[in-house]
């Protein structure tokens, strides 16, 4: 046991006759660690991008609500009539009349003959 720990501390497993197997395993572990670090980096970048896009969506949504309320104010009859009075156009005193159009029914050739 003492010889095993002492051998590990002196790194004899890296210079022995069968050290190639150990070197392959160490290189494999290093490559695996590099892949894990790169994967974590990409994950964090995506999390930051999602947070940025979420804040942008909230900003755009609040701007949309603000613009919609401004539009509703501009569409009100009192606002429109005030702007028209400035131009010299006054609201009508007579209410509008609904015009009804009757659909002309087409008669067939035989019906025209029998009339």
N, C-alpha and C. Protein backbone atom coordinates (compact mmCIF):
# COMPACT_ATOMS: atom_id res chain seq x y z
N UNK A 1 0.83 -1.19 0.00
CA UNK A 1 0.00 0.00 0.00
C UNK A 1 0.86 1.25 0.00
N UNK A 2 1.92 1.20 0.83
CA UNK A 2 2.81 2.35 0.93
C UNK A 2 3.55 2.55 -0.39
N UNK A 3 3.94 1.47 -1.01
CA UNK A 3 4.64 1.53 -2.29
C UNK A 3 3.70 2.07 -3.38
N UNK A 4 2.38 1.74 -3.31
CA UNK A 4 1.41 2.21 -4.30
C UNK A 4 1.22 3.71 -4.24
N UNK A 5 1.05 4.25 -3.05
CA UNK A 5 0.87 5.70 -2.89
C UNK A 5 2.14 6.43 -3.28
N UNK A 6 3.28 5.88 -2.89
CA UNK A 6 4.56 6.49 -3.23
C UNK A 6 4.78 6.46 -4.74
N UNK A 7 4.34 5.39 -5.40
CA UNK A 7 4.46 5.28 -6.86
C UNK A 7 3.57 6.29 -7.57
N UNK A 8 2.37 6.52 -7.02
CA UNK A 8 1.46 7.51 -7.61
C UNK A 8 2.03 8.91 -7.44
N UNK A 9 2.59 9.21 -6.28
CA UNK A 9 3.16 10.53 -6.06
C UNK A 9 4.37 10.79 -6.96
N UNK A 10 5.15 9.75 -7.24
CA UNK A 10 6.31 9.91 -8.13
C UNK A 10 5.90 9.79 -9.61
N UNK A 11 4.63 9.46 -9.89
CA UNK A 11 4.08 9.31 -11.24
C UNK A 11 4.78 8.19 -12.00
N UNK A 12 5.03 7.09 -11.32
CA UNK A 12 5.65 5.95 -11.99
C UNK A 12 4.70 5.31 -12.99
N UNK A 13 3.40 5.48 -12.80
CA UNK A 13 2.44 4.89 -13.74
C UNK A 13 2.52 5.56 -15.11
N UNK A 14 3.16 6.70 -15.22
CA UNK A 14 3.30 7.39 -16.50
C UNK A 14 4.58 7.00 -17.25
N UNK A 15 5.54 6.38 -16.56
CA UNK A 15 6.81 6.05 -17.22
C UNK A 15 7.10 4.56 -17.23
N UNK A 16 6.17 3.76 -16.76
CA UNK A 16 6.36 2.30 -16.78
C UNK A 16 6.27 1.78 -18.21
N UNK A 17 6.43 0.45 -18.34
CA UNK A 17 6.37 -0.18 -19.67
C UNK A 17 4.96 -0.11 -20.28
N UNK A 18 3.95 -0.25 -19.47
CA UNK A 18 2.58 -0.19 -20.00
C UNK A 18 1.96 1.20 -19.78
N UNK A 19 2.75 2.23 -19.87
CA UNK A 19 2.30 3.61 -19.65
C UNK A 19 1.45 4.13 -20.80
N UNK A 20 1.54 3.50 -21.97
CA UNK A 20 0.75 3.96 -23.14
C UNK A 20 -0.74 3.89 -22.82
N UNK A 21 -1.18 2.83 -22.16
CA UNK A 21 -2.60 2.71 -21.80
C UNK A 21 -3.00 3.84 -20.86
N UNK A 22 -2.15 4.14 -19.92
CA UNK A 22 -2.45 5.22 -18.98
C UNK A 22 -2.50 6.58 -19.68
N UNK A 23 -1.55 6.82 -20.59
CA UNK A 23 -1.53 8.08 -21.33
C UNK A 23 -2.79 8.23 -22.18
N UNK A 24 -3.22 7.14 -22.82
CA UNK A 24 -4.44 7.19 -23.63
C UNK A 24 -5.64 7.57 -22.75
N UNK A 25 -5.73 6.96 -21.59
CA UNK A 25 -6.84 7.25 -20.69
C UNK A 25 -6.78 8.70 -20.20
N UNK A 26 -5.61 9.19 -19.90
CA UNK A 26 -5.45 10.58 -19.43
C UNK A 26 -5.83 11.56 -20.54
N UNK A 27 -5.40 11.28 -21.76
CA UNK A 27 -5.77 12.14 -22.90
C UNK A 27 -7.28 12.11 -23.12
N UNK A 28 -7.88 10.93 -22.98
CA UNK A 28 -9.33 10.80 -23.10
C UNK A 28 -10.04 11.66 -22.05
N UNK A 29 -9.57 11.60 -20.81
CA UNK A 29 -10.18 12.40 -19.74
C UNK A 29 -10.02 13.90 -20.00
N UNK A 30 -8.86 14.30 -20.53
CA UNK A 30 -8.63 15.71 -20.84
C UNK A 30 -9.58 16.18 -21.95
N UNK A 31 -9.72 15.37 -22.99
CA UNK A 31 -10.65 15.72 -24.08
C UNK A 31 -12.09 15.79 -23.57
N UNK A 32 -12.45 14.86 -22.72
CA UNK A 32 -13.79 14.86 -22.15
C UNK A 32 -14.02 16.12 -21.31
N UNK A 33 -13.03 16.54 -20.55
CA UNK A 33 -13.14 17.76 -19.75
C UNK A 33 -13.27 18.99 -20.64
N UNK A 34 -12.51 19.03 -21.74
CA UNK A 34 -12.60 20.16 -22.67
C UNK A 34 -13.99 20.24 -23.29
N UNK A 35 -14.54 19.08 -23.66
CA UNK A 35 -15.88 19.06 -24.25
C UNK A 35 -16.92 19.53 -23.23
N UNK A 36 -16.78 19.11 -22.00
CA UNK A 36 -17.73 19.55 -20.96
C UNK A 36 -17.64 21.05 -20.72
N UNK A 37 -16.44 21.59 -20.71
CA UNK A 37 -16.27 23.03 -20.50
C UNK A 37 -16.89 23.81 -21.67
N UNK A 38 -16.66 23.33 -22.89
CA UNK A 38 -17.24 24.01 -24.07
C UNK A 38 -18.76 23.93 -24.04
N UNK A 39 -19.28 22.79 -23.63
CA UNK A 39 -20.74 22.63 -23.56
C UNK A 39 -21.34 23.56 -22.51
N UNK A 40 -20.70 23.68 -21.38
CA UNK A 40 -21.17 24.60 -20.34
C UNK A 40 -21.13 26.04 -20.81
N UNK A 41 -20.09 26.40 -21.55
CA UNK A 41 -19.96 27.76 -22.09
C UNK A 41 -21.10 28.07 -23.04
N UNK A 42 -21.41 27.14 -23.94
CA UNK A 42 -22.51 27.36 -24.89
C UNK A 42 -23.85 27.46 -24.17
N UNK A 43 -24.03 26.64 -23.14
CA UNK A 43 -25.27 26.68 -22.36
C UNK A 43 -25.43 28.04 -21.69
N UNK A 44 -24.38 28.56 -21.09
CA UNK A 44 -24.46 29.86 -20.43
C UNK A 44 -24.72 30.98 -21.43
N UNK A 45 -24.13 30.90 -22.61
CA UNK A 45 -24.39 31.91 -23.64
C UNK A 45 -25.87 31.90 -24.02
N UNK A 46 -26.44 30.72 -24.16
CA UNK A 46 -27.86 30.63 -24.52
C UNK A 46 -28.75 31.16 -23.41
N UNK A 47 -28.38 30.91 -22.16
CA UNK A 47 -29.16 31.43 -21.03
C UNK A 47 -29.13 32.95 -21.04
N UNK A 48 -27.96 33.54 -21.27
CA UNK A 48 -27.87 35.00 -21.32
C UNK A 48 -28.67 35.56 -22.50
N UNK A 49 -28.64 34.87 -23.62
CA UNK A 49 -29.39 35.33 -24.80
C UNK A 49 -30.90 35.24 -24.52
N UNK A 50 -31.34 34.19 -23.86
CA UNK A 50 -32.76 34.06 -23.53
C UNK A 50 -33.19 35.16 -22.58
N UNK A 51 -32.35 35.48 -21.59
CA UNK A 51 -32.68 36.55 -20.65
C UNK A 51 -32.76 37.90 -21.37
N UNK A 52 -31.86 38.13 -22.30
CA UNK A 52 -31.86 39.39 -23.06
C UNK A 52 -33.12 39.48 -23.92
N UNK A 53 -33.47 38.39 -24.59
CA UNK A 53 -34.66 38.41 -25.45
C UNK A 53 -35.94 38.55 -24.62
N UNK A 54 -35.96 37.97 -23.44
CA UNK A 54 -37.13 38.10 -22.57
C UNK A 54 -37.33 39.55 -22.14
N UNK A 55 -36.25 40.21 -21.78
CA UNK A 55 -36.37 41.62 -21.40
C UNK A 55 -36.79 42.48 -22.59
N UNK A 56 -36.30 42.13 -23.78
CA UNK A 56 -36.69 42.88 -24.98
C UNK A 56 -38.17 42.68 -25.29
N UNK A 57 -38.67 41.46 -25.09
CA UNK A 57 -40.10 41.20 -25.32
C UNK A 57 -40.95 42.00 -24.35
N UNK A 58 -40.53 42.06 -23.08
CA UNK A 58 -41.28 42.84 -22.10
C UNK A 58 -41.31 44.32 -22.49
N UNK A 59 -40.18 44.81 -22.95
CA UNK A 59 -40.08 46.21 -23.38
C UNK A 59 -41.01 46.49 -24.56
N UNK A 60 -40.97 45.60 -25.54
CA UNK A 60 -41.82 45.79 -26.73
C UNK A 60 -43.30 45.66 -26.38
N UNK A 61 -43.62 44.76 -25.45
CA UNK A 61 -45.02 44.60 -25.06
C UNK A 61 -45.53 45.86 -24.37
N UNK A 62 -44.71 46.45 -23.50
CA UNK A 62 -45.14 47.69 -22.83
C UNK A 62 -45.27 48.83 -23.83
N UNK A 63 -44.38 48.88 -24.81
CA UNK A 63 -44.50 49.90 -25.85
C UNK A 63 -45.77 49.70 -26.67
N UNK A 64 -46.11 48.44 -26.96
CA UNK A 64 -47.33 48.14 -27.70
C UNK A 64 -48.56 48.60 -26.94
N UNK A 65 -48.60 48.33 -25.64
CA UNK A 65 -49.75 48.75 -24.83
C UNK A 65 -49.84 50.27 -24.80
N UNK A 66 -48.72 50.95 -24.71
CA UNK A 66 -48.71 52.41 -24.70
C UNK A 66 -49.24 52.97 -26.02
N UNK A 67 -48.75 52.40 -27.12
CA UNK A 67 -49.21 52.88 -28.44
C UNK A 67 -50.70 52.59 -28.64
N UNK A 68 -51.16 51.44 -28.16
CA UNK A 68 -52.57 51.10 -28.32
C UNK A 68 -53.45 52.06 -27.53
N UNK A 69 -53.02 52.46 -26.34
CA UNK A 69 -53.82 53.41 -25.56
C UNK A 69 -53.83 54.78 -26.24
N UNK A 70 -52.70 55.17 -26.84
CA UNK A 70 -52.67 56.44 -27.58
C UNK A 70 -53.62 56.38 -28.77
N UNK A 71 -53.65 55.25 -29.46
CA UNK A 71 -54.54 55.10 -30.61
C UNK A 71 -56.00 55.17 -30.17
N UNK A 72 -56.32 54.53 -29.06
CA UNK A 72 -57.70 54.57 -28.57
C UNK A 72 -58.12 56.00 -28.24
N UNK A 73 -57.19 56.77 -27.68
CA UNK A 73 -57.48 58.17 -27.38
C UNK A 73 -57.73 58.96 -28.66
N UNK A 74 -56.92 58.71 -29.68
CA UNK A 74 -57.07 59.44 -30.94
C UNK A 74 -58.35 59.06 -31.67
N UNK A 75 -58.83 57.83 -31.47
CA UNK A 75 -60.03 57.38 -32.16
C UNK A 75 -61.32 57.83 -31.49
N UNK A 76 -61.23 58.40 -30.31
CA UNK A 76 -62.44 58.83 -29.61
C UNK A 76 -63.13 59.95 -30.38
N UNK A 77 -64.46 59.94 -30.31
CA UNK A 77 -65.24 60.91 -31.08
C UNK A 77 -64.94 62.34 -30.64
N UNK A 78 -64.72 62.55 -29.37
CA UNK A 78 -64.46 63.91 -28.90
C UNK A 78 -63.13 64.44 -29.45
N UNK A 79 -62.11 63.57 -29.53
CA UNK A 79 -60.82 64.00 -30.06
C UNK A 79 -60.93 64.31 -31.54
N UNK A 80 -61.64 63.44 -32.27
CA UNK A 80 -61.80 63.65 -33.71
C UNK A 80 -62.60 64.93 -33.98
N UNK A 81 -63.67 65.13 -33.23
CA UNK A 81 -64.48 66.34 -33.47
C UNK A 81 -63.70 67.61 -33.11
N UNK A 82 -62.88 67.56 -32.06
CA UNK A 82 -62.07 68.74 -31.71
C UNK A 82 -61.08 69.07 -32.82
N UNK A 83 -60.48 68.05 -33.41
CA UNK A 83 -59.53 68.30 -34.50
C UNK A 83 -60.25 68.80 -35.75
N UNK A 84 -61.47 68.32 -36.00
CA UNK A 84 -62.22 68.77 -37.17
C UNK A 84 -62.71 70.21 -36.99
N UNK A 85 -63.04 70.61 -35.77
CA UNK A 85 -63.48 71.98 -35.51
C UNK A 85 -62.34 72.95 -35.80
N UNK A 86 -61.11 72.54 -35.49
CA UNK A 86 -59.95 73.38 -35.81
C UNK A 86 -59.85 73.64 -37.31
N UNK A 87 -60.25 72.65 -38.12
CA UNK A 87 -60.18 72.79 -39.57
C UNK A 87 -61.45 73.41 -40.16
N UNK A 88 -62.45 73.66 -39.33
CA UNK A 88 -63.67 74.30 -39.82
C UNK A 88 -64.74 73.31 -40.21
N UNK A 89 -64.61 72.05 -39.84
CA UNK A 89 -65.62 71.04 -40.14
C UNK A 89 -66.35 70.74 -38.83
N UNK A 90 -67.70 70.88 -38.87
CA UNK A 90 -68.50 70.69 -37.66
C UNK A 90 -69.27 69.38 -37.74
N UNK A 91 -69.63 68.80 -36.59
CA UNK A 91 -70.40 67.55 -36.60
C UNK A 91 -71.80 67.77 -37.14
N UNK A 92 -72.37 66.73 -37.71
CA UNK A 92 -73.70 66.82 -38.32
C UNK A 92 -74.76 66.93 -37.23
N UNK A 93 -75.80 67.72 -37.53
CA UNK A 93 -76.91 67.87 -36.58
C UNK A 93 -78.02 66.87 -36.88
N UNK A 94 -78.07 66.41 -38.12
CA UNK A 94 -79.10 65.45 -38.53
C UNK A 94 -78.47 64.05 -38.46
N UNK A 95 -79.16 63.11 -37.82
CA UNK A 95 -78.59 61.76 -37.74
C UNK A 95 -78.55 61.10 -39.12
N UNK A 96 -77.69 60.19 -39.32
CA UNK A 96 -77.58 59.53 -40.63
C UNK A 96 -78.79 58.63 -40.90
N UNK A 97 -79.07 58.45 -42.19
CA UNK A 97 -80.18 57.61 -42.62
C UNK A 97 -79.60 56.37 -43.28
N UNK A 98 -80.17 55.22 -42.93
CA UNK A 98 -79.69 53.97 -43.49
C UNK A 98 -80.33 53.75 -44.85
N UNK A 99 -79.50 53.45 -45.83
CA UNK A 99 -79.98 53.23 -47.19
C UNK A 99 -80.08 51.73 -47.40
N UNK A 100 -81.24 51.28 -47.85
CA UNK A 100 -81.44 49.86 -48.10
C UNK A 100 -81.48 49.64 -49.61
N UNK A 101 -80.70 48.69 -50.06
CA UNK A 101 -80.66 48.37 -51.48
C UNK A 101 -81.30 47.01 -51.65
N UNK A 102 -82.30 46.96 -52.53
CA UNK A 102 -82.98 45.69 -52.79
C UNK A 102 -82.24 44.97 -53.89
N UNK A 103 -82.05 43.68 -53.66
CA UNK A 103 -81.36 42.87 -54.64
C UNK A 103 -82.33 42.51 -55.76
N UNK A 104 -81.90 42.77 -56.98
CA UNK A 104 -82.72 42.47 -58.15
C UNK A 104 -82.58 40.97 -58.43
N UNK A 105 -83.71 40.31 -58.46
CA UNK A 105 -83.69 38.87 -58.68
C UNK A 105 -83.67 38.60 -60.18
N UNK A 106 -82.70 37.83 -60.59
CA UNK A 106 -82.63 37.49 -62.02
C UNK A 106 -83.63 36.39 -62.32
N UNK A 107 -84.33 36.61 -63.41
CA UNK A 107 -85.31 35.60 -63.82
C UNK A 107 -84.72 34.76 -64.93
N UNK A 108 -85.14 33.55 -64.96
CA UNK A 108 -84.62 32.66 -65.99
C UNK A 108 -85.31 32.94 -67.33
N UNK A 109 -84.80 32.32 -68.35
CA UNK A 109 -85.33 32.52 -69.70
C UNK A 109 -86.77 32.04 -69.79
N UNK A 110 -87.10 30.94 -69.13
CA UNK A 110 -88.47 30.40 -69.20
C UNK A 110 -89.45 31.30 -68.46
N UNK A 111 -89.03 31.89 -67.36
CA UNK A 111 -89.93 32.78 -66.63
C UNK A 111 -90.23 34.04 -67.44
N UNK A 112 -89.24 34.49 -68.19
CA UNK A 112 -89.45 35.68 -69.02
C UNK A 112 -90.46 35.38 -70.13
N UNK A 113 -90.43 34.18 -70.63
CA UNK A 113 -91.37 33.80 -71.69
C UNK A 113 -92.80 33.74 -71.19
N UNK A 114 -93.02 33.29 -69.97
CA UNK A 114 -94.36 33.13 -69.42
C UNK A 114 -94.95 34.42 -68.91
N UNK A 115 -94.19 35.48 -68.83
CA UNK A 115 -94.73 36.75 -68.32
C UNK A 115 -95.48 37.49 -69.33
